[in-house]
Amino acid sequence: MEKAKNSWTPLSIIGSIGGAALGIYAGINLLVPGIITFGAFFWFNRVFPPNKRPVLAAIAWQMGQLGWFLLGAILVANGINKVGLDVAIITVGLIWLYLSVGRAAAIALMLYQSAALAFNVYTFAAGSLASPGAKGLVVHIVWRAVALILLGYFVFNRQKKSADQEIAASFD
């Protein structure tokens, strides 16, 4: 008998339980970056040329984060003062990553996301789980951690091809 293609693995079960727990805890805070991320992923999947596909998931994921920051900058008093640095660095990093599809851009984003993740974890640990900002902070932490995983996957598992070989392969 053939194994079903949609069978559950231990990792998918853990991910499903973790996602459900995050959804229950974070609630509406998870909705905005989630919708933006998945919308960006489906749109980018249609419009990215083949040579940009290796960074599609990492860019789409961080677009969800960036969209959430921009919404916060608009809706929260002094929001741009709170998220302006994030918006600027992530925007420049994503543009660089899209244009170059290179390790340097991915590593630069990884360094920034790592530093910001450490700050977010410290802030969360110093606060209360019941505070209004805690739920949003948990979503920030998760979004940064997954961004690091996606960027790391691109950096460390990418085939070693020159840019010219990748461009030539995209015309085949």
C-alpha atoms as a PDB file:
ATOM      1  CA  MET A   1       0.000   0.000   0.000  1.00  0.00           C
ATOM      2  CA  GLU A   2       1.284   3.431  -0.950  1.00  0.00           C
ATOM      3  CA  LYS A   3       1.890   6.051   1.720  1.00  0.00           C
ATOM      4  CA  ALA A   4      -0.465   9.023   1.453  1.00  0.00           C
ATOM      5  CA  LYS A   5       1.180  12.225   0.248  1.00  0.00           C
ATOM      6  CA  ASN A   6      -0.579  14.293   2.910  1.00  0.00           C
ATOM      7  CA  SER A   7       0.393  12.170   5.893  1.00  0.00           C
ATOM      8  CA  TRP A   8       1.240  13.873   9.158  1.00  0.00           C
ATOM      9  CA  THR A   9       4.833  13.923  10.345  1.00  0.00           C
ATOM     10  CA  PRO A  10       5.971  14.664  13.898  1.00  0.00           C
ATOM     11  CA  LEU A  11       7.243  18.066  12.745  1.00  0.00           C
ATOM     12  CA  SER A  12       3.930  18.963  11.086  1.00  0.00           C
ATOM     13  CA  ILE A  13       2.020  17.939  14.207  1.00  0.00           C
ATOM     14  CA  ILE A  14       4.289  20.046  16.433  1.00  0.00           C
ATOM     15  CA  GLY A  15       3.966  22.977  14.008  1.00  0.00           C
ATOM     16  CA  SER A  16       0.174  22.670  13.964  1.00  0.00           C
ATOM     17  CA  ILE A  17      -0.060  22.567  17.749  1.00  0.00           C
ATOM     18  CA  GLY A  18       2.389  25.475  18.080  1.00  0.00           C
ATOM     19  CA  GLY A  19       0.481  27.508  15.487  1.00  0.00           C
ATOM     20  CA  ALA A  20      -2.828  26.833  17.230  1.00  0.00           C
ATOM     21  CA  ALA A  21      -1.337  27.818  20.608  1.00  0.00           C
ATOM     22  CA  LEU A  22       0.098  31.010  19.109  1.00  0.00           C
ATOM     23  CA  GLY A  23      -3.275  31.806  17.543  1.00  0.00           C
ATOM     24  CA  ILE A  24      -5.095  31.274  20.838  1.00  0.00           C
ATOM     25  CA  TYR A  25      -2.624  33.424  22.775  1.00  0.00           C
ATOM     26  CA  ALA A  26      -1.938  36.196  20.250  1.00  0.00           C
ATOM     27  CA  GLY A  27      -5.384  36.335  18.679  1.00  0.00           C
ATOM     28  CA  ILE A  28      -5.960  39.312  16.414  1.00  0.00           C
ATOM     29  CA  ASN A  29      -2.282  40.296  16.618  1.00  0.00           C
ATOM     30  CA  LEU A  30      -1.507  37.316  14.415  1.00  0.00           C
ATOM     31  CA  LEU A  31      -4.114  38.169  11.797  1.00  0.00           C
ATOM     32  CA  VAL A  32      -2.522  41.192  10.117  1.00  0.00           C
ATOM     33  CA  PRO A  33       1.007  39.847   9.573  1.00  0.00           C
ATOM     34  CA  GLY A  34      -0.454  36.460   8.641  1.00  0.00           C
ATOM     35  CA  ILE A  35      -2.736  37.862   5.954  1.00  0.00           C
ATOM     36  CA  ILE A  36      -0.001  40.092   4.548  1.00  0.00           C
ATOM     37  CA  THR A  37       2.549  37.265   4.561  1.00  0.00           C
ATOM     38  CA  PHE A  38       0.362  34.762   2.777  1.00  0.00           C
ATOM     39  CA  GLY A  39      -0.979  37.377   0.364  1.00  0.00           C
ATOM     40  CA  ALA A  40       2.592  38.413  -0.476  1.00  0.00           C
ATOM     41  CA  PHE A  41       3.633  34.793  -0.908  1.00  0.00           C
ATOM     42  CA  PHE A  42       0.843  33.997  -3.371  1.00  0.00           C
ATOM     43  CA  TRP A  43       1.311  37.254  -5.287  1.00  0.00           C
ATOM     44  CA  PHE A  44       5.113  36.945  -5.415  1.00  0.00           C
ATOM     45  CA  ASN A  45       4.776  33.322  -6.513  1.00  0.00           C
ATOM     46  CA  ARG A  46       3.018  34.615  -9.632  1.00  0.00           C
ATOM     47  CA  VAL A  47       5.207  37.622 -10.401  1.00  0.00           C
ATOM     48  CA  PHE A  48       8.759  36.721  -9.301  1.00  0.00           C
ATOM     49  CA  PRO A  49      10.950  35.620 -12.188  1.00  0.00           C
ATOM     50  CA  PRO A  50      12.534  32.151 -11.807  1.00  0.00           C
ATOM     51  CA  ASN A  51      15.916  33.518 -10.742  1.00  0.00           C
ATOM     52  CA  LYS A  52      14.273  35.258  -7.739  1.00  0.00           C
ATOM     53  CA  ARG A  53      12.460  32.137  -6.468  1.00  0.00           C
ATOM     54  CA  PRO A  54      15.168  31.136  -3.948  1.00  0.00           C
ATOM     55  CA  VAL A  55      14.325  34.200  -1.834  1.00  0.00           C
ATOM     56  CA  LEU A  56      10.555  34.245  -2.372  1.00  0.00           C
ATOM     57  CA  ALA A  57       9.583  32.722   0.996  1.00  0.00           C
ATOM     58  CA  ALA A  58      12.039  34.853   2.991  1.00  0.00           C
ATOM     59  CA  ILE A  59      10.874  38.057   1.307  1.00  0.00           C
ATOM     60  CA  ALA A  60       7.163  37.226   1.585  1.00  0.00           C
ATOM     61  CA  TRP A  61       7.509  36.345   5.274  1.00  0.00           C
ATOM     62  CA  GLN A  62       9.279  39.599   6.066  1.00  0.00           C
ATOM     63  CA  MET A  63       6.758  41.536   3.980  1.00  0.00           C
ATOM     64  CA  GLY A  64       4.157  40.388   6.510  1.00  0.00           C
ATOM     65  CA  GLN A  65       6.321  41.779   9.265  1.00  0.00           C
ATOM     66  CA  LEU A  66       6.969  44.995   7.349  1.00  0.00           C
ATOM     67  CA  GLY A  67       3.260  45.464   6.604  1.00  0.00           C
ATOM     68  CA  TRP A  68       2.473  45.022  10.284  1.00  0.00           C
ATOM     69  CA  PHE A  69       5.106  47.618  11.208  1.00  0.00           C
ATOM     70  CA  LEU A  70       3.696  50.070   8.667  1.00  0.00           C
ATOM     71  CA  LEU A  71       0.178  49.581   9.999  1.00  0.00           C
ATOM     72  CA  GLY A  72       1.491  50.161  13.519  1.00  0.00           C
ATOM     73  CA  ALA A  73       3.292  53.299  12.373  1.00  0.00           C
ATOM     74  CA  ILE A  74      -0.013  54.647  11.078  1.00  0.00           C
ATOM     75  CA  LEU A  75      -2.359  53.545  13.867  1.00  0.00           C
ATOM     76  CA  VAL A  76      -0.262  53.899  17.036  1.00  0.00           C
ATOM     77  CA  ALA A  77       0.567  57.278  18.547  1.00  0.00           C
ATOM     78  CA  ASN A  78       4.191  58.065  17.686  1.00  0.00           C
ATOM     79  CA  GLY A  79       4.221  54.745  15.835  1.00  0.00           C
ATOM     80  CA  ILE A  80       6.835  55.803  13.316  1.00  0.00           C
ATOM     81  CA  ASN A  81       9.190  56.612  16.191  1.00  0.00           C
ATOM     82  CA  LYS A  82       8.723  53.097  17.540  1.00  0.00           C
ATOM     83  CA  VAL A  83       9.060  51.129  14.287  1.00  0.00           C
ATOM     84  CA  GLY A  84      10.819  53.537  11.920  1.00  0.00           C
ATOM     85  CA  LEU A  85      14.208  51.856  12.253  1.00  0.00           C
ATOM     86  CA  ASP A  86      12.666  48.428  11.641  1.00  0.00           C
ATOM     87  CA  VAL A  87      10.792  49.720   8.590  1.00  0.00           C
ATOM     88  CA  ALA A  88      13.896  51.358   7.105  1.00  0.00           C
ATOM     89  CA  ILE A  89      16.284  48.453   7.671  1.00  0.00           C
ATOM     90  CA  ILE A  90      13.881  45.727   6.594  1.00  0.00           C
ATOM     91  CA  THR A  91      12.797  47.693   3.495  1.00  0.00           C
ATOM     92  CA  VAL A  92      16.381  48.303   2.372  1.00  0.00           C
ATOM     93  CA  GLY A  93      17.343  44.713   3.204  1.00  0.00           C
ATOM     94  CA  LEU A  94      14.436  43.220   1.243  1.00  0.00           C
ATOM     95  CA  ILE A  95      15.108  45.414  -1.783  1.00  0.00           C
ATOM     96  CA  TRP A  96      18.777  44.419  -1.655  1.00  0.00           C
ATOM     97  CA  LEU A  97      17.864  40.733  -1.274  1.00  0.00           C
ATOM     98  CA  TYR A  98      15.429  40.877  -4.197  1.00  0.00           C
ATOM     99  CA  LEU A  99      17.859  42.670  -6.500  1.00  0.00           C
ATOM    100  CA  SER A 100      20.918  40.579  -5.668  1.00  0.00           C
ATOM    101  CA  VAL A 101      19.435  37.231  -4.589  1.00  0.00           C
ATOM    102  CA  GLY A 102      22.710  36.994  -2.727  1.00  0.00           C
ATOM    103  CA  ARG A 103      24.122  35.764   0.514  1.00  0.00           C
ATOM    104  CA  ALA A 104      25.435  39.162   1.611  1.00  0.00           C
ATOM    105  CA  ALA A 105      21.933  40.660   1.689  1.00  0.00           C
ATOM    106  CA  ALA A 106      20.529  37.598   3.446  1.00  0.00           C
ATOM    107  CA  ILE A 107      23.302  37.650   6.052  1.00  0.00           C
ATOM    108  CA  ALA A 108      22.783  41.380   6.661  1.00  0.00           C
ATOM    109  CA  LEU A 109      19.071  40.749   7.247  1.00  0.00           C
ATOM    110  CA  MET A 110      19.939  37.793   9.494  1.00  0.00           C
ATOM    111  CA  LEU A 111      22.222  39.971  11.605  1.00  0.00           C
ATOM    112  CA  TYR A 112      19.556  42.629  12.002  1.00  0.00           C
ATOM    113  CA  GLN A 113      16.757  40.139  12.713  1.00  0.00           C
ATOM    114  CA  SER A 114      18.991  38.373  15.261  1.00  0.00           C
ATOM    115  CA  ALA A 115      19.749  41.590  17.138  1.00  0.00           C
ATOM    116  CA  ALA A 116      16.098  42.666  17.039  1.00  0.00           C
ATOM    117  CA  LEU A 117      14.993  39.185  18.138  1.00  0.00           C
ATOM    118  CA  ALA A 118      17.322  39.313  21.137  1.00  0.00           C
ATOM    119  CA  PHE A 119      15.921  42.726  22.077  1.00  0.00           C
ATOM    120  CA  ASN A 120      12.319  41.498  21.659  1.00  0.00           C
ATOM    121  CA  VAL A 121      12.959  38.390  23.790  1.00  0.00           C
ATOM    122  CA  TYR A 122      14.593  40.525  26.501  1.00  0.00           C
ATOM    123  CA  THR A 123      11.657  42.957  26.442  1.00  0.00           C
ATOM    124  CA  PHE A 124       9.142  40.105  26.616  1.00  0.00           C
ATOM    125  CA  ALA A 125      10.996  38.386  29.481  1.00  0.00           C
ATOM    126  CA  ALA A 126      11.093  41.632  31.459  1.00  0.00           C
ATOM    127  CA  GLY A 127       7.350  42.233  31.091  1.00  0.00           C
ATOM    128  CA  SER A 128       4.131  40.508  31.993  1.00  0.00           C
ATOM    129  CA  LEU A 129       2.371  37.850  29.892  1.00  0.00           C
ATOM    130  CA  ALA A 130      -0.892  39.671  30.517  1.00  0.00           C
ATOM    131  CA  SER A 131       0.258  43.091  29.334  1.00  0.00           C
ATOM    132  CA  PRO A 132      -1.412  44.450  26.186  1.00  0.00           C
ATOM    133  CA  GLY A 133       1.870  44.605  24.278  1.00  0.00           C
ATOM    134  CA  ALA A 134       2.965  41.077  25.198  1.00  0.00           C
ATOM    135  CA  LYS A 135       0.784  39.365  22.612  1.00  0.00           C
ATOM    136  CA  GLY A 136       2.082  41.595  19.830  1.00  0.00           C
ATOM    137  CA  LEU A 137       5.627  41.076  21.048  1.00  0.00           C
ATOM    138  CA  VAL A 138       5.223  37.291  20.862  1.00  0.00           C
ATOM    139  CA  VAL A 139       4.135  37.665  17.233  1.00  0.00           C
ATOM    140  CA  HIS A 140       7.213  39.840  16.584  1.00  0.00           C
ATOM    141  CA  ILE A 141       9.399  37.159  18.142  1.00  0.00           C
ATOM    142  CA  VAL A 142       7.843  34.395  16.055  1.00  0.00           C
ATOM    143  CA  TRP A 143       8.045  36.447  12.846  1.00  0.00           C
ATOM    144  CA  ARG A 144      11.713  37.255  13.456  1.00  0.00           C
ATOM    145  CA  ALA A 145      12.560  33.634  14.330  1.00  0.00           C
ATOM    146  CA  VAL A 146      10.896  32.270  11.202  1.00  0.00           C
ATOM    147  CA  ALA A 147      12.550  34.991   9.094  1.00  0.00           C
ATOM    148  CA  LEU A 148      15.907  33.820  10.470  1.00  0.00           C
ATOM    149  CA  ILE A 149      15.086  30.211   9.594  1.00  0.00           C
ATOM    150  CA  LEU A 150      14.074  31.112   6.027  1.00  0.00           C
ATOM    151  CA  LEU A 151      17.109  33.349   5.509  1.00  0.00           C
ATOM    152  CA  GLY A 152      19.390  30.720   7.036  1.00  0.00           C
ATOM    153  CA  TYR A 153      17.957  28.070   4.759  1.00  0.00           C
ATOM    154  CA  PHE A 154      18.709  30.294   1.759  1.00  0.00           C
ATOM    155  CA  VAL A 155      22.245  31.088   2.932  1.00  0.00           C
ATOM    156  CA  PHE A 156      23.323  27.602   3.970  1.00  0.00           C
ATOM    157  CA  ASN A 157      21.448  25.342   1.559  1.00  0.00           C
ATOM    158  CA  ARG A 158      21.722  27.301  -1.636  1.00  0.00           C
ATOM    159  CA  GLN A 159      23.532  25.613  -4.460  1.00  0.00           C
ATOM    160  CA  LYS A 160      26.831  27.199  -5.247  1.00  0.00           C
ATOM    161  CA  LYS A 161      26.112  28.687  -8.654  1.00  0.00           C
ATOM    162  CA  SER A 162      27.365  31.919 -10.048  1.00  0.00           C
ATOM    163  CA  ALA A 163      24.844  34.648 -10.769  1.00  0.00           C
ATOM    164  CA  ASP A 164      25.474  34.183 -14.505  1.00  0.00           C
ATOM    165  CA  GLN A 165      24.652  30.466 -14.281  1.00  0.00           C
ATOM    166  CA  GLU A 166      21.411  31.233 -12.431  1.00  0.00           C
ATOM    167  CA  ILE A 167      20.355  33.818 -14.997  1.00  0.00           C
ATOM    168  CA  ALA A 168      21.215  31.494 -17.879  1.00  0.00           C
ATOM    169  CA  ALA A 169      19.239  28.671 -16.242  1.00  0.00           C
ATOM    170  CA  SER A 170      16.202  30.928 -15.921  1.00  0.00           C
ATOM    171  CA  PHE A 171      16.054  31.237 -19.735  1.00  0.00           C
ATOM    172  CA  ASP A 172      16.048  27.452 -20.309  1.00  0.00           C
END
